[in-house]
Amino acid sequence: AAARSARSDRPSRPEGGRPPAHPAAPAGRGEVRIIGGQWKRSRLPVP
């Protein structure tokens, strides 16, 4: 019973047996991103 209880405390897996994917990391809060031109997608850290 203790073993079953320990297994039930683990995060459930979706069908297919694979663990759930981690969400994509958001853009850093301490930076801005250039959105166009020659430096498009360049990130600028901000203090």
All heavy atoms as atom14 arrays in JSON, in Angstrom:
{
  "sequence": "AAARSARSDRPSRPEGGRPPAHPAAPAGRGEVRIIGGQWKRSRLPVP",
  "atom14_mask": [
    [1, 1, 1, 1, 1, 0, 0, 0, 0, 0, 0, 0, 0, 0],
    [1, 1, 1, 1, 1, 0, 0, 0, 0, 0, 0, 0, 0, 0],
    [1, 1, 1, 1, 1, 0, 0, 0, 0, 0, 0, 0, 0, 0],
    [1, 1, 1, 1, 1, 1, 1, 1, 1, 1, 1, 0, 0, 0],
    [1, 1, 1, 1, 1, 1, 0, 0, 0, 0, 0, 0, 0, 0],
    [1, 1, 1, 1, 1, 0, 0, 0, 0, 0, 0, 0, 0, 0],
    [1, 1, 1, 1, 1, 1, 1, 1, 1, 1, 1, 0, 0, 0],
    [1, 1, 1, 1, 1, 1, 0, 0, 0, 0, 0, 0, 0, 0],
    [1, 1, 1, 1, 1, 1, 1, 1, 0, 0, 0, 0, 0, 0],
    [1, 1, 1, 1, 1, 1, 1, 1, 1, 1, 1, 0, 0, 0],
    [1, 1, 1, 1, 1, 1, 1, 0, 0, 0, 0, 0, 0, 0],
    [1, 1, 1, 1, 1, 1, 0, 0, 0, 0, 0, 0, 0, 0],
    [1, 1, 1, 1, 1, 1, 1, 1, 1, 1, 1, 0, 0, 0],
    [1, 1, 1, 1, 1, 1, 1, 0, 0, 0, 0, 0, 0, 0],
    [1, 1, 1, 1, 1, 1, 1, 1, 1, 0, 0, 0, 0, 0],
    [1, 1, 1, 1, 0, 0, 0, 0, 0, 0, 0, 0, 0, 0],
    [1, 1, 1, 1, 0, 0, 0, 0, 0, 0, 0, 0, 0, 0],
    [1, 1, 1, 1, 1, 1, 1, 1, 1, 1, 1, 0, 0, 0],
    [1, 1, 1, 1, 1, 1, 1, 0, 0, 0, 0, 0, 0, 0],
    [1, 1, 1, 1, 1, 1, 1, 0, 0, 0, 0, 0, 0, 0],
    [1, 1, 1, 1, 1, 0, 0, 0, 0, 0, 0, 0, 0, 0],
    [1, 1, 1, 1, 1, 1, 1, 1, 1, 1, 0, 0, 0, 0],
    [1, 1, 1, 1, 1, 1, 1, 0, 0, 0, 0, 0, 0, 0],
    [1, 1, 1, 1, 1, 0, 0, 0, 0, 0, 0, 0, 0, 0],
    [1, 1, 1, 1, 1, 0, 0, 0, 0, 0, 0, 0, 0, 0],
    [1, 1, 1, 1, 1, 1, 1, 0, 0, 0, 0, 0, 0, 0],
    [1, 1, 1, 1, 1, 0, 0, 0, 0, 0, 0, 0, 0, 0],
    [1, 1, 1, 1, 0, 0, 0, 0, 0, 0, 0, 0, 0, 0],
    [1, 1, 1, 1, 1, 1, 1, 1, 1, 1, 1, 0, 0, 0],
    [1, 1, 1, 1, 0, 0, 0, 0, 0, 0, 0, 0, 0, 0],
    [1, 1, 1, 1, 1, 1, 1, 1, 1, 0, 0, 0, 0, 0],
    [1, 1, 1, 1, 1, 1, 1, 0, 0, 0, 0, 0, 0, 0],
    [1, 1, 1, 1, 1, 1, 1, 1, 1, 1, 1, 0, 0, 0],
    [1, 1, 1, 1, 1, 1, 1, 1, 0, 0, 0, 0, 0, 0],
    [1, 1, 1, 1, 1, 1, 1, 1, 0, 0, 0, 0, 0, 0],
    [1, 1, 1, 1, 0, 0, 0, 0, 0, 0, 0, 0, 0, 0],
    [1, 1, 1, 1, 0, 0, 0, 0, 0, 0, 0, 0, 0, 0],
    [1, 1, 1, 1, 1, 1, 1, 1, 1, 0, 0, 0, 0, 0],
    [1, 1, 1, 1, 1, 1, 1, 1, 1, 1, 1, 1, 1, 1],
    [1, 1, 1, 1, 1, 1, 1, 1, 1, 0, 0, 0, 0, 0],
    [1, 1, 1, 1, 1, 1, 1, 1, 1, 1, 1, 0, 0, 0],
    [1, 1, 1, 1, 1, 1, 0, 0, 0, 0, 0, 0, 0, 0],
    [1, 1, 1, 1, 1, 1, 1, 1, 1, 1, 1, 0, 0, 0],
    [1, 1, 1, 1, 1, 1, 1, 1, 0, 0, 0, 0, 0, 0],
    [1, 1, 1, 1, 1, 1, 1, 0, 0, 0, 0, 0, 0, 0],
    [1, 1, 1, 1, 1, 1, 1, 0, 0, 0, 0, 0, 0, 0],
    [1, 1, 1, 1, 1, 1, 1, 0, 0, 0, 0, 0, 0, 0]
  ],
  "atom14_positions": [
    [[0.83, -1.21, 0.0], [0.0, 0.0, 0.0], [0.86, 1.24, 0.0], [0.57, 2.23, -0.68], [-0.92, 0.0, 1.23], [0.0, 0.0, 0.0], [0.0, 0.0, 0.0], [0.0, 0.0, 0.0], [0.0, 0.0, 0.0], [0.0, 0.0, 0.0], [0.0, 0.0, 0.0], [0.0, 0.0, 0.0], [0.0, 0.0, 0.0], [0.0, 0.0, 0.0]],
    [[1.97, 1.21, 0.76], [2.87, 2.37, 0.78], [3.47, 2.61, -0.57], [3.62, 3.75, -1.03], [3.97, 2.14, 1.82], [0.0, 0.0, 0.0], [0.0, 0.0, 0.0], [0.0, 0.0, 0.0], [0.0, 0.0, 0.0], [0.0, 0.0, 0.0], [0.0, 0.0, 0.0], [0.0, 0.0, 0.0], [0.0, 0.0, 0.0], [0.0, 0.0, 0.0]],
    [[3.85, 1.53, -1.28], [4.42, 1.67, -2.62], [3.42, 2.26, -3.57], [3.72, 3.12, -4.38], [4.91, 0.31, -3.12], [0.0, 0.0, 0.0], [0.0, 0.0, 0.0], [0.0, 0.0, 0.0], [0.0, 0.0, 0.0], [0.0, 0.0, 0.0], [0.0, 0.0, 0.0], [0.0, 0.0, 0.0], [0.0, 0.0, 0.0], [0.0, 0.0, 0.0]],
    [[2.13, 1.73, -3.47], [1.1, 2.29, -4.37], [0.88, 3.77, -4.07], [0.69, 4.59, -4.95], [-0.21, 1.5, -4.18], [-0.19, 0.14, -4.86], [-1.61, -0.39, -4.98], [-2.26, -0.56, -3.68], [-2.19, -1.68, -2.95], [-1.49, -2.71, -3.4], [-2.8, -1.77, -1.8], [0.0, 0.0, 0.0], [0.0, 0.0, 0.0], [0.0, 0.0, 0.0]],
    [[0.89, 4.14, -2.77], [0.69, 5.54, -2.39], [1.81, 6.41, -2.91], [1.57, 7.52, -3.4], [0.62, 5.65, -0.87], [0.53, 6.99, -0.46], [0.0, 0.0, 0.0], [0.0, 0.0, 0.0], [0.0, 0.0, 0.0], [0.0, 0.0, 0.0], [0.0, 0.0, 0.0], [0.0, 0.0, 0.0], [0.0, 0.0, 0.0], [0.0, 0.0, 0.0]],
    [[3.07, 5.92, -2.84], [4.19, 6.7, -3.35], [4.07, 6.93, -4.84], [4.34, 8.01, -5.35], [5.51, 5.99, -3.02], [0.0, 0.0, 0.0], [0.0, 0.0, 0.0], [0.0, 0.0, 0.0], [0.0, 0.0, 0.0], [0.0, 0.0, 0.0], [0.0, 0.0, 0.0], [0.0, 0.0, 0.0], [0.0, 0.0, 0.0], [0.0, 0.0, 0.0]],
    [[3.62, 5.82, -5.56], [3.47, 5.99, -7.01], [2.37, 6.99, -7.34], [2.46, 7.76, -8.27], [3.19, 4.64, -7.66], [4.41, 3.72, -7.75], [4.15, 2.58, -8.72], [3.08, 1.71, -8.23], [3.28, 0.62, -7.46], [4.51, 0.33, -7.06], [2.27, -0.13, -7.08], [0.0, 0.0, 0.0], [0.0, 0.0, 0.0], [0.0, 0.0, 0.0]],
    [[1.3, 6.99, -6.52], [0.18, 7.89, -6.8], [0.54, 9.34, -6.54], [-0.12, 10.25, -7.04], [-1.04, 7.49, -5.95], [-0.78, 7.73, -4.59], [0.0, 0.0, 0.0], [0.0, 0.0, 0.0], [0.0, 0.0, 0.0], [0.0, 0.0, 0.0], [0.0, 0.0, 0.0], [0.0, 0.0, 0.0], [0.0, 0.0, 0.0], [0.0, 0.0, 0.0]],
    [[1.6, 9.59, -5.74], [2.02, 10.96, -5.48], [2.85, 11.55, -6.59], [3.09, 12.75, -6.63], [2.84, 11.03, -4.18], [1.97, 10.78, -2.95], [0.75, 10.95, -3.09], [2.53, 10.4, -1.91], [0.0, 0.0, 0.0], [0.0, 0.0, 0.0], [0.0, 0.0, 0.0], [0.0, 0.0, 0.0], [0.0, 0.0, 0.0], [0.0, 0.0, 0.0]],
    [[3.33, 10.71, -7.52], [4.13, 11.21, -8.62], [3.25, 11.92, -9.64], [2.09, 11.57, -9.8], [4.86, 10.06, -9.32], [5.87, 9.35, -8.44], [6.41, 8.14, -9.15], [7.29, 7.38, -8.27], [7.73, 6.16, -8.56], [7.37, 5.57, -9.68], [8.52, 5.52, -7.72], [0.0, 0.0, 0.0], [0.0, 0.0, 0.0], [0.0, 0.0, 0.0]],
    [[3.81, 12.93, -10.38], [3.02, 13.6, -11.41], [2.55, 12.58, -12.45], [3.3, 11.7, -12.86], [3.99, 14.61, -12.03], [5.05, 14.81, -11.0], [5.16, 13.5, -10.27], [0.0, 0.0, 0.0], [0.0, 0.0, 0.0], [0.0, 0.0, 0.0], [0.0, 0.0, 0.0], [0.0, 0.0, 0.0], [0.0, 0.0, 0.0], [0.0, 0.0, 0.0]],
    [[1.29, 12.69, -12.85], [0.75, 11.77, -13.86], [1.36, 12.05, -15.21], [1.7, 13.19, -15.54], [-0.77, 11.92, -13.93], [-1.11, 13.24, -14.28], [0.0, 0.0, 0.0], [0.0, 0.0, 0.0], [0.0, 0.0, 0.0], [0.0, 0.0, 0.0], [0.0, 0.0, 0.0], [0.0, 0.0, 0.0], [0.0, 0.0, 0.0], [0.0, 0.0, 0.0]],
    [[1.47, 11.02, -16.02], [1.98, 11.16, -17.38], [0.83, 11.11, -18.36], [-0.16, 10.41, -18.15], [2.96, 10.03, -17.7], [4.25, 10.11, -16.9], [5.24, 9.09, -17.4], [6.5, 9.21, -16.68], [7.59, 8.53, -17.01], [7.56, 7.68, -18.03], [8.72, 8.68, -16.33], [0.0, 0.0, 0.0], [0.0, 0.0, 0.0], [0.0, 0.0, 0.0]],
    [[0.93, 11.83, -19.46], [-0.11, 11.76, -20.47], [-0.09, 10.41, -21.14], [0.84, 9.63, -21.0], [0.26, 12.89, -21.44], [1.74, 13.04, -21.28], [2.03, 12.72, -19.84], [0.0, 0.0, 0.0], [0.0, 0.0, 0.0], [0.0, 0.0, 0.0], [0.0, 0.0, 0.0], [0.0, 0.0, 0.0], [0.0, 0.0, 0.0], [0.0, 0.0, 0.0]],
    [[-1.15, 10.13, -21.9], [-1.21, 8.88, -22.64], [-0.03, 8.79, -23.58], [0.35, 9.75, -24.24], [-2.52, 8.79, -23.44], [-3.76, 8.72, -22.55], [-5.02, 8.6, -23.36], [-4.89, 8.45, -24.6], [-6.11, 8.63, -22.79], [0.0, 0.0, 0.0], [0.0, 0.0, 0.0], [0.0, 0.0, 0.0], [0.0, 0.0, 0.0], [0.0, 0.0, 0.0]],
    [[0.55, 7.58, -23.68], [1.73, 7.39, -24.5], [2.97, 7.25, -23.65], [4.01, 6.85, -24.14], [0.0, 0.0, 0.0], [0.0, 0.0, 0.0], [0.0, 0.0, 0.0], [0.0, 0.0, 0.0], [0.0, 0.0, 0.0], [0.0, 0.0, 0.0], [0.0, 0.0, 0.0], [0.0, 0.0, 0.0], [0.0, 0.0, 0.0], [0.0, 0.0, 0.0]],
    [[2.87, 7.55, -22.33], [3.97, 7.27, -21.43], [5.04, 8.32, -21.35], [6.0, 8.18, -20.62], [0.0, 0.0, 0.0], [0.0, 0.0, 0.0], [0.0, 0.0, 0.0], [0.0, 0.0, 0.0], [0.0, 0.0, 0.0], [0.0, 0.0, 0.0], [0.0, 0.0, 0.0], [0.0, 0.0, 0.0], [0.0, 0.0, 0.0], [0.0, 0.0, 0.0]],
    [[4.91, 9.44, -22.09], [5.94, 10.48, -22.05], [5.59, 11.53, -21.02], [4.42, 11.88, -20.85], [6.09, 11.15, -23.42], [6.62, 10.21, -24.49], [6.81, 10.96, -25.79], [7.34, 10.09, -26.82], [7.61, 10.48, -28.07], [7.38, 11.74, -28.41], [8.09, 9.63, -28.95], [0.0, 0.0, 0.0], [0.0, 0.0, 0.0], [0.0, 0.0, 0.0]],
    [[6.59, 12.05, -20.32], [6.3, 13.11, -19.36], [5.85, 14.37, -20.09], [6.18, 14.58, -21.26], [7.65, 13.33, -18.66], [8.67, 12.84, -19.64], [8.02, 11.72, -20.39], [0.0, 0.0, 0.0], [0.0, 0.0, 0.0], [0.0, 0.0, 0.0], [0.0, 0.0, 0.0], [0.0, 0.0, 0.0], [0.0, 0.0, 0.0], [0.0, 0.0, 0.0]],
    [[5.05, 15.22, -19.41], [4.59, 16.44, -20.08], [5.74, 17.34, -20.45], [6.72, 17.46, -19.72], [3.68, 17.1, -19.02], [4.13, 16.52, -17.71], [4.59, 15.13, -18.02], [0.0, 0.0, 0.0], [0.0, 0.0, 0.0], [0.0, 0.0, 0.0], [0.0, 0.0, 0.0], [0.0, 0.0, 0.0], [0.0, 0.0, 0.0], [0.0, 0.0, 0.0]],
    [[5.63, 17.98, -21.62], [6.7, 18.88, -22.08], [6.72, 20.14, -21.23], [5.69, 20.63, -20.79], [6.47, 19.25, -23.54], [0.0, 0.0, 0.0], [0.0, 0.0, 0.0], [0.0, 0.0, 0.0], [0.0, 0.0, 0.0], [0.0, 0.0, 0.0], [0.0, 0.0, 0.0], [0.0, 0.0, 0.0], [0.0, 0.0, 0.0], [0.0, 0.0, 0.0]],
    [[7.93, 20.66, -20.98], [8.05, 21.92, -20.26], [7.64, 23.05, -21.18], [7.96, 23.05, -22.37], [9.49, 22.13, -19.79], [9.9, 21.15, -18.75], [9.4, 21.16, -17.48], [10.77, 20.1, -18.81], [9.94, 20.18, -16.77], [10.77, 19.51, -17.56], [0.0, 0.0, 0.0], [0.0, 0.0, 0.0], [0.0, 0.0, 0.0], [0.0, 0.0, 0.0]],
    [[6.93, 24.06, -20.69], [6.58, 25.2, -21.54], [7.83, 25.94, -21.99], [8.85, 25.95, -21.3], [5.71, 26.07, -20.63], [6.11, 25.69, -19.24], [6.46, 24.23, -19.31], [0.0, 0.0, 0.0], [0.0, 0.0, 0.0], [0.0, 0.0, 0.0], [0.0, 0.0, 0.0], [0.0, 0.0, 0.0], [0.0, 0.0, 0.0], [0.0, 0.0, 0.0]],
    [[7.72, 26.57, -23.17], [8.86, 27.33, -23.69], [9.18, 28.46, -22.74], [8.3, 29.11, -22.18], [8.52, 27.89, -25.07], [0.0, 0.0, 0.0], [0.0, 0.0, 0.0], [0.0, 0.0, 0.0], [0.0, 0.0, 0.0], [0.0, 0.0, 0.0], [0.0, 0.0, 0.0], [0.0, 0.0, 0.0], [0.0, 0.0, 0.0], [0.0, 0.0, 0.0]],
    [[10.48, 28.7, -22.54], [10.89, 29.79, -21.66], [10.5, 31.12, -22.25], [10.73, 31.37, -23.44], [12.41, 29.73, -21.46], [0.0, 0.0, 0.0], [0.0, 0.0, 0.0], [0.0, 0.0, 0.0], [0.0, 0.0, 0.0], [0.0, 0.0, 0.0], [0.0, 0.0, 0.0], [0.0, 0.0, 0.0], [0.0, 0.0, 0.0], [0.0, 0.0, 0.0]],
    [[9.88, 32.0, -21.48], [9.52, 33.31, -22.01], [10.75, 34.17, -22.22], [11.81, 33.9, -21.67], [8.61, 33.9, -20.91], [9.1, 33.23, -19.66], [9.53, 31.84, -20.07], [0.0, 0.0, 0.0], [0.0, 0.0, 0.0], [0.0, 0.0, 0.0], [0.0, 0.0, 0.0], [0.0, 0.0, 0.0], [0.0, 0.0, 0.0], [0.0, 0.0, 0.0]],
    [[10.59, 35.21, -23.02], [11.69, 36.16, -23.19], [12.03, 36.78, -21.85], [11.16, 36.99, -21.0], [11.29, 37.25, -24.18], [0.0, 0.0, 0.0], [0.0, 0.0, 0.0], [0.0, 0.0, 0.0], [0.0, 0.0, 0.0], [0.0, 0.0, 0.0], [0.0, 0.0, 0.0], [0.0, 0.0, 0.0], [0.0, 0.0, 0.0], [0.0, 0.0, 0.0]],
    [[13.31, 37.05, -21.64], [13.74, 37.58, -20.35], [13.07, 38.91, -20.05], [12.89, 39.75, -20.93], [0.0, 0.0, 0.0], [0.0, 0.0, 0.0], [0.0, 0.0, 0.0], [0.0, 0.0, 0.0], [0.0, 0.0, 0.0], [0.0, 0.0, 0.0], [0.0, 0.0, 0.0], [0.0, 0.0, 0.0], [0.0, 0.0, 0.0], [0.0, 0.0, 0.0]],
    [[12.7, 39.09, -18.79], [12.06, 40.34, -18.41], [13.06, 41.48, -18.42], [12.69, 42.63, -18.58], [11.43, 40.19, -17.03], [10.27, 39.2, -17.0], [9.66, 39.14, -15.62], [9.08, 40.42, -15.24], [8.57, 40.66, -14.05], [8.61, 39.74, -13.11], [8.06, 41.84, -13.76], [0.0, 0.0, 0.0], [0.0, 0.0, 0.0], [0.0, 0.0, 0.0]],
    [[14.35, 41.18, -18.24], [15.35, 42.22, -18.2], [16.04, 42.45, -19.52], [17.25, 42.66, -19.57], [0.0, 0.0, 0.0], [0.0, 0.0, 0.0], [0.0, 0.0, 0.0], [0.0, 0.0, 0.0], [0.0, 0.0, 0.0], [0.0, 0.0, 0.0], [0.0, 0.0, 0.0], [0.0, 0.0, 0.0], [0.0, 0.0, 0.0], [0.0, 0.0, 0.0]],
    [[15.28, 42.4, -20.61], [15.86, 42.62, -21.94], [14.79, 43.1, -22.9], [13.6, 42.94, -22.66], [16.5, 41.34, -22.48], [15.54, 40.21, -22.7], [16.22, 38.93, -23.17], [17.44, 38.79, -23.01], [15.51, 38.08, -23.72], [0.0, 0.0, 0.0], [0.0, 0.0, 0.0], [0.0, 0.0, 0.0], [0.0, 0.0, 0.0], [0.0, 0.0, 0.0]],
    [[15.24, 43.73, -23.98], [14.35, 44.09, -25.08], [14.89, 43.44, -26.35], [16.07, 43.1, -26.44], [14.22, 45.62, -25.26], [13.56, 46.26, -24.06], [15.58, 46.26, -25.52], [0.0, 0.0, 0.0], [0.0, 0.0, 0.0], [0.0, 0.0, 0.0], [0.0, 0.0, 0.0], [0.0, 0.0, 0.0], [0.0, 0.0, 0.0], [0.0, 0.0, 0.0]],
    [[14.01, 43.27, -27.32], [14.38, 42.6, -28.56], [14.14, 43.54, -29.73], [13.05, 44.12, -29.86], [13.53, 41.33, -28.71], [13.77, 40.54, -29.99], [12.96, 39.25, -29.94], [11.54, 39.53, -29.82], [10.71, 39.65, -30.86], [11.17, 39.52, -32.1], [9.43, 39.89, -30.67], [0.0, 0.0, 0.0], [0.0, 0.0, 0.0], [0.0, 0.0, 0.0]],
    [[15.14, 43.73, -30.56], [14.97, 44.52, -31.78], [14.12, 43.71, -32.76], [14.38, 42.53, -32.99], [16.33, 44.88, -32.4], [17.14, 45.74, -31.42], [16.15, 45.6, -33.73], [18.54, 46.05, -31.88], [0.0, 0.0, 0.0], [0.0, 0.0, 0.0], [0.0, 0.0, 0.0], [0.0, 0.0, 0.0], [0.0, 0.0, 0.0], [0.0, 0.0, 0.0]],
    [[13.09, 44.32, -33.33], [12.12, 43.55, -34.1], [12.24, 43.72, -35.61], [11.54, 43.04, -36.36], [10.68, 43.89, -33.66], [10.39, 45.38, -33.84], [10.45, 43.47, -32.23], [8.95, 45.75, -33.51], [0.0, 0.0, 0.0], [0.0, 0.0, 0.0], [0.0, 0.0, 0.0], [0.0, 0.0, 0.0], [0.0, 0.0, 0.0], [0.0, 0.0, 0.0]],
    [[13.11, 44.59, -36.08], [13.24, 44.76, -37.53], [14.59, 45.32, -37.92], [15.37, 45.78, -37.09], [0.0, 0.0, 0.0], [0.0, 0.0, 0.0], [0.0, 0.0, 0.0], [0.0, 0.0, 0.0], [0.0, 0.0, 0.0], [0.0, 0.0, 0.0], [0.0, 0.0, 0.0], [0.0, 0.0, 0.0], [0.0, 0.0, 0.0], [0.0, 0.0, 0.0]],
    [[14.91, 45.25, -39.23], [16.14, 45.83, -39.73], [17.34, 44.91, -39.6], [17.21, 43.7, -39.41], [0.0, 0.0, 0.0], [0.0, 0.0, 0.0], [0.0, 0.0, 0.0], [0.0, 0.0, 0.0], [0.0, 0.0, 0.0], [0.0, 0.0, 0.0], [0.0, 0.0, 0.0], [0.0, 0.0, 0.0], [0.0, 0.0, 0.0], [0.0, 0.0, 0.0]],
    [[18.54, 45.49, -39.68], [19.76, 44.69, -39.76], [20.07, 43.93, -38.48], [20.78, 42.92, -38.51], [20.95, 45.59, -40.12], [21.29, 46.65, -39.09], [22.55, 47.42, -39.46], [23.55, 46.83, -39.85], [22.5, 48.75, -39.36], [0.0, 0.0, 0.0], [0.0, 0.0, 0.0], [0.0, 0.0, 0.0], [0.0, 0.0, 0.0], [0.0, 0.0, 0.0]],
    [[19.54, 44.38, -37.35], [19.78, 43.67, -36.08], [18.53, 42.97, -35.58], [18.36, 42.75, -34.39], [20.3, 44.65, -35.01], [21.57, 45.32, -35.43], [22.67, 44.74, -35.99], [21.85, 46.72, -35.35], [23.62, 45.69, -36.25], [23.16, 46.91, -35.86], [21.15, 47.83, -34.87], [23.76, 48.16, -35.93], [21.74, 49.08, -34.93], [23.04, 49.24, -35.46]],
    [[17.65, 42.61, -36.48], [16.41, 41.94, -36.1], [16.69, 40.73, -35.22], [17.61, 39.96, -35.49], [15.66, 41.5, -37.36], [14.3, 40.89, -37.11], [13.61, 40.56, -38.43], [12.24, 39.96, -38.2], [11.58, 39.65, -39.49], [0.0, 0.0, 0.0], [0.0, 0.0, 0.0], [0.0, 0.0, 0.0], [0.0, 0.0, 0.0], [0.0, 0.0, 0.0]],
    [[15.9, 40.6, -34.15], [15.98, 39.52, -33.16], [17.14, 39.67, -32.18], [17.3, 38.84, -31.29], [16.02, 38.13, -33.82], [14.8, 37.8, -34.66], [14.81, 36.35, -35.11], [13.67, 36.07, -35.97], [13.68, 36.19, -37.29], [14.8, 36.57, -37.89], [12.61, 35.93, -37.99], [0.0, 0.0, 0.0], [0.0, 0.0, 0.0], [0.0, 0.0, 0.0]],
    [[17.96, 40.7, -32.32], [19.02, 40.92, -31.33], [18.38, 41.32, -30.0], [17.43, 42.11, -29.96], [19.97, 42.03, -31.79], [20.67, 41.65, -32.95], [0.0, 0.0, 0.0], [0.0, 0.0, 0.0], [0.0, 0.0, 0.0], [0.0, 0.0, 0.0], [0.0, 0.0, 0.0], [0.0, 0.0, 0.0], [0.0, 0.0, 0.0], [0.0, 0.0, 0.0]],
    [[18.91, 40.78, -28.92], [18.38, 41.06, -27.59], [19.33, 41.99, -26.85], [20.54, 41.8, -26.88], [18.17, 39.76, -26.82], [17.08, 38.89, -27.44], [16.84, 37.61, -26.65], [15.82, 36.8, -27.27], [14.51, 36.89, -27.02], [14.09, 37.77, -26.14], [13.64, 36.12, -27.63], [0.0, 0.0, 0.0], [0.0, 0.0, 0.0], [0.0, 0.0, 0.0]],
    [[18.75, 42.98, -26.18], [19.52, 43.97, -25.45], [19.2, 43.85, -23.97], [18.1, 44.2, -23.53], [19.17, 45.38, -25.93], [19.21, 45.65, -27.44], [18.79, 47.1, -27.73], [20.59, 45.36, -28.01], [0.0, 0.0, 0.0], [0.0, 0.0, 0.0], [0.0, 0.0, 0.0], [0.0, 0.0, 0.0], [0.0, 0.0, 0.0], [0.0, 0.0, 0.0]],
    [[20.12, 43.32, -23.15], [19.88, 43.25, -21.71], [19.66, 44.66, -21.13], [20.3, 45.62, -21.55], [21.16, 42.61, -21.16], [21.74, 41.88, -22.33], [21.41, 42.71, -23.53], [0.0, 0.0, 0.0], [0.0, 0.0, 0.0], [0.0, 0.0, 0.0], [0.0, 0.0, 0.0], [0.0, 0.0, 0.0], [0.0, 0.0, 0.0], [0.0, 0.0, 0.0]],
    [[18.76, 44.75, -20.17], [18.4, 46.03, -19.58], [18.62, 45.96, -18.07], [18.08, 45.07, -17.41], [16.93, 46.38, -19.87], [16.56, 47.71, -19.22], [16.67, 46.43, -21.37], [0.0, 0.0, 0.0], [0.0, 0.0, 0.0], [0.0, 0.0, 0.0], [0.0, 0.0, 0.0], [0.0, 0.0, 0.0], [0.0, 0.0, 0.0], [0.0, 0.0, 0.0]],
    [[19.4, 46.87, -17.49], [19.58, 46.87, -16.03], [18.27, 47.18, -15.32], [17.39, 47.86, -15.86], [20.6, 47.99, -15.8], [21.2, 48.29, -17.13], [20.17, 47.94, -18.15], [0.0, 0.0, 0.0], [0.0, 0.0, 0.0], [0.0, 0.0, 0.0], [0.0, 0.0, 0.0], [0.0, 0.0, 0.0], [0.0, 0.0, 0.0], [0.0, 0.0, 0.0]]
  ]
}
